[in-house]
Amino acid sequence: MQADAARVQVTNNTYTASLDQRTGNFLLSQGMQVTGIGAPTGVSDTTVVVLHSAKLYTLRYLINPWA
């Protein structure tokens, strides 16, 4: 994941306050490059991961960091 050098942005669309900031801090502590915290776009009960380039190890890490 770190070799991918992926840049991620975290957006919180839930009712849980500061989830975006806490998630961003966790990802930073794992060595991921967090480029920003995005503004909420609404409320949702699902998680969406958007892959803009071929950063497959990063995607794999985000799906299951303990694998």
C-alpha atoms as a PDB file:
ATOM      1  CA  MET A   1       0.000   0.000   0.000  1.00  0.00           C
ATOM      2  CA  GLN A   2       2.753   2.445   0.878  1.00  0.00           C
ATOM      3  CA  ALA A   3       4.646   1.676  -2.333  1.00  0.00           C
ATOM      4  CA  ASP A   4       1.547   2.692  -4.327  1.00  0.00           C
ATOM      5  CA  ALA A   5       1.946   6.239  -2.929  1.00  0.00           C
ATOM      6  CA  ALA A   6      -1.779   6.733  -3.359  1.00  0.00           C
ATOM      7  CA  ARG A   7      -3.383   9.981  -2.243  1.00  0.00           C
ATOM      8  CA  VAL A   8      -6.784   9.693  -0.602  1.00  0.00           C
ATOM      9  CA  GLN A   9      -9.478  12.080   0.492  1.00  0.00           C
ATOM     10  CA  VAL A  10     -11.871  11.128   3.283  1.00  0.00           C
ATOM     11  CA  THR A  11     -15.499  12.284   3.331  1.00  0.00           C
ATOM     12  CA  ASN A  12     -17.939  11.668   6.173  1.00  0.00           C
ATOM     13  CA  ASN A  13     -21.539  11.212   4.994  1.00  0.00           C
ATOM     14  CA  THR A  14     -22.748   9.716   8.270  1.00  0.00           C
ATOM     15  CA  TYR A  15     -24.299  11.103  11.432  1.00  0.00           C
ATOM     16  CA  THR A  16     -21.109  10.203  13.347  1.00  0.00           C
ATOM     17  CA  ALA A  17     -19.307  13.430  14.191  1.00  0.00           C
ATOM     18  CA  SER A  18     -15.604  13.674  13.309  1.00  0.00           C
ATOM     19  CA  LEU A  19     -15.549  10.251  11.643  1.00  0.00           C
ATOM     20  CA  ASP A  20     -13.722  11.724   8.658  1.00  0.00           C
ATOM     21  CA  GLN A  21     -10.996  13.245  10.820  1.00  0.00           C
ATOM     22  CA  ARG A  22     -10.549  10.084  12.883  1.00  0.00           C
ATOM     23  CA  THR A  23     -10.415   7.928   9.760  1.00  0.00           C
ATOM     24  CA  GLY A  24      -7.914  10.286   8.151  1.00  0.00           C
ATOM     25  CA  ASN A  25      -5.711  10.171  11.242  1.00  0.00           C
ATOM     26  CA  PHE A  26      -5.861   6.367  11.293  1.00  0.00           C
ATOM     27  CA  LEU A  27      -4.887   6.150   7.623  1.00  0.00           C
ATOM     28  CA  LEU A  28      -2.024   8.605   8.205  1.00  0.00           C
ATOM     29  CA  SER A  29      -0.766   6.456  11.082  1.00  0.00           C
ATOM     30  CA  GLN A  30      -0.750   3.471   8.699  1.00  0.00           C
ATOM     31  CA  GLY A  31       1.418   5.360   6.186  1.00  0.00           C
ATOM     32  CA  MET A  32      -1.232   6.436   3.702  1.00  0.00           C
ATOM     33  CA  GLN A  33      -1.136   9.908   2.162  1.00  0.00           C
ATOM     34  CA  VAL A  34      -4.352  11.687   3.165  1.00  0.00           C
ATOM     35  CA  THR A  35      -4.664  14.799   1.023  1.00  0.00           C
ATOM     36  CA  GLY A  36      -7.810  16.172   2.556  1.00  0.00           C
ATOM     37  CA  ILE A  37     -11.061  15.846   4.370  1.00  0.00           C
ATOM     38  CA  GLY A  38     -13.987  16.321   1.994  1.00  0.00           C
ATOM     39  CA  ALA A  39     -17.222  18.131   2.606  1.00  0.00           C
ATOM     40  CA  PRO A  40     -20.239  15.863   3.155  1.00  0.00           C
ATOM     41  CA  THR A  41     -22.387  15.306   0.090  1.00  0.00           C
ATOM     42  CA  GLY A  42     -25.423  13.999   1.962  1.00  0.00           C
ATOM     43  CA  VAL A  43     -26.275  11.146   4.270  1.00  0.00           C
ATOM     44  CA  SER A  44     -25.691   7.544   3.296  1.00  0.00           C
ATOM     45  CA  ASP A  45     -25.604   4.142   4.914  1.00  0.00           C
ATOM     46  CA  THR A  46     -23.012   2.765   2.504  1.00  0.00           C
ATOM     47  CA  THR A  47     -19.281   3.197   2.018  1.00  0.00           C
ATOM     48  CA  VAL A  48     -18.003   4.101  -1.425  1.00  0.00           C
ATOM     49  CA  VAL A  49     -14.379   3.762  -2.519  1.00  0.00           C
ATOM     50  CA  VAL A  50     -13.506   5.600  -5.722  1.00  0.00           C
ATOM     51  CA  LEU A  51     -10.351   4.470  -7.505  1.00  0.00           C
ATOM     52  CA  HIS A  52      -9.043   7.134  -9.893  1.00  0.00           C
ATOM     53  CA  SER A  53      -5.905   5.288 -10.949  1.00  0.00           C
ATOM     54  CA  ALA A  54      -4.391   1.834 -10.789  1.00  0.00           C
ATOM     55  CA  LYS A  55      -3.502   1.790  -7.092  1.00  0.00           C
ATOM     56  CA  LEU A  56      -4.598  -1.779  -6.509  1.00  0.00           C
ATOM     57  CA  TYR A  57      -2.574  -2.435  -3.334  1.00  0.00           C
ATOM     58  CA  THR A  58      -4.112   0.651  -1.757  1.00  0.00           C
ATOM     59  CA  LEU A  59      -7.604  -0.510  -2.732  1.00  0.00           C
ATOM     60  CA  ARG A  60      -6.871  -3.950  -1.319  1.00  0.00           C
ATOM     61  CA  TYR A  61      -5.663  -2.367   1.939  1.00  0.00           C
ATOM     62  CA  LEU A  62      -8.748  -0.185   2.243  1.00  0.00           C
ATOM     63  CA  ILE A  63     -11.037  -3.164   1.738  1.00  0.00           C
ATOM     64  CA  ASN A  64      -9.218  -5.397   4.241  1.00  0.00           C
ATOM     65  CA  PRO A  65      -6.270  -3.839   6.137  1.00  0.00           C
ATOM     66  CA  TRP A  66      -5.698  -6.995   8.194  1.00  0.00           C
ATOM     67  CA  ALA A  67      -5.205  -9.363   5.260  1.00  0.00           C
END
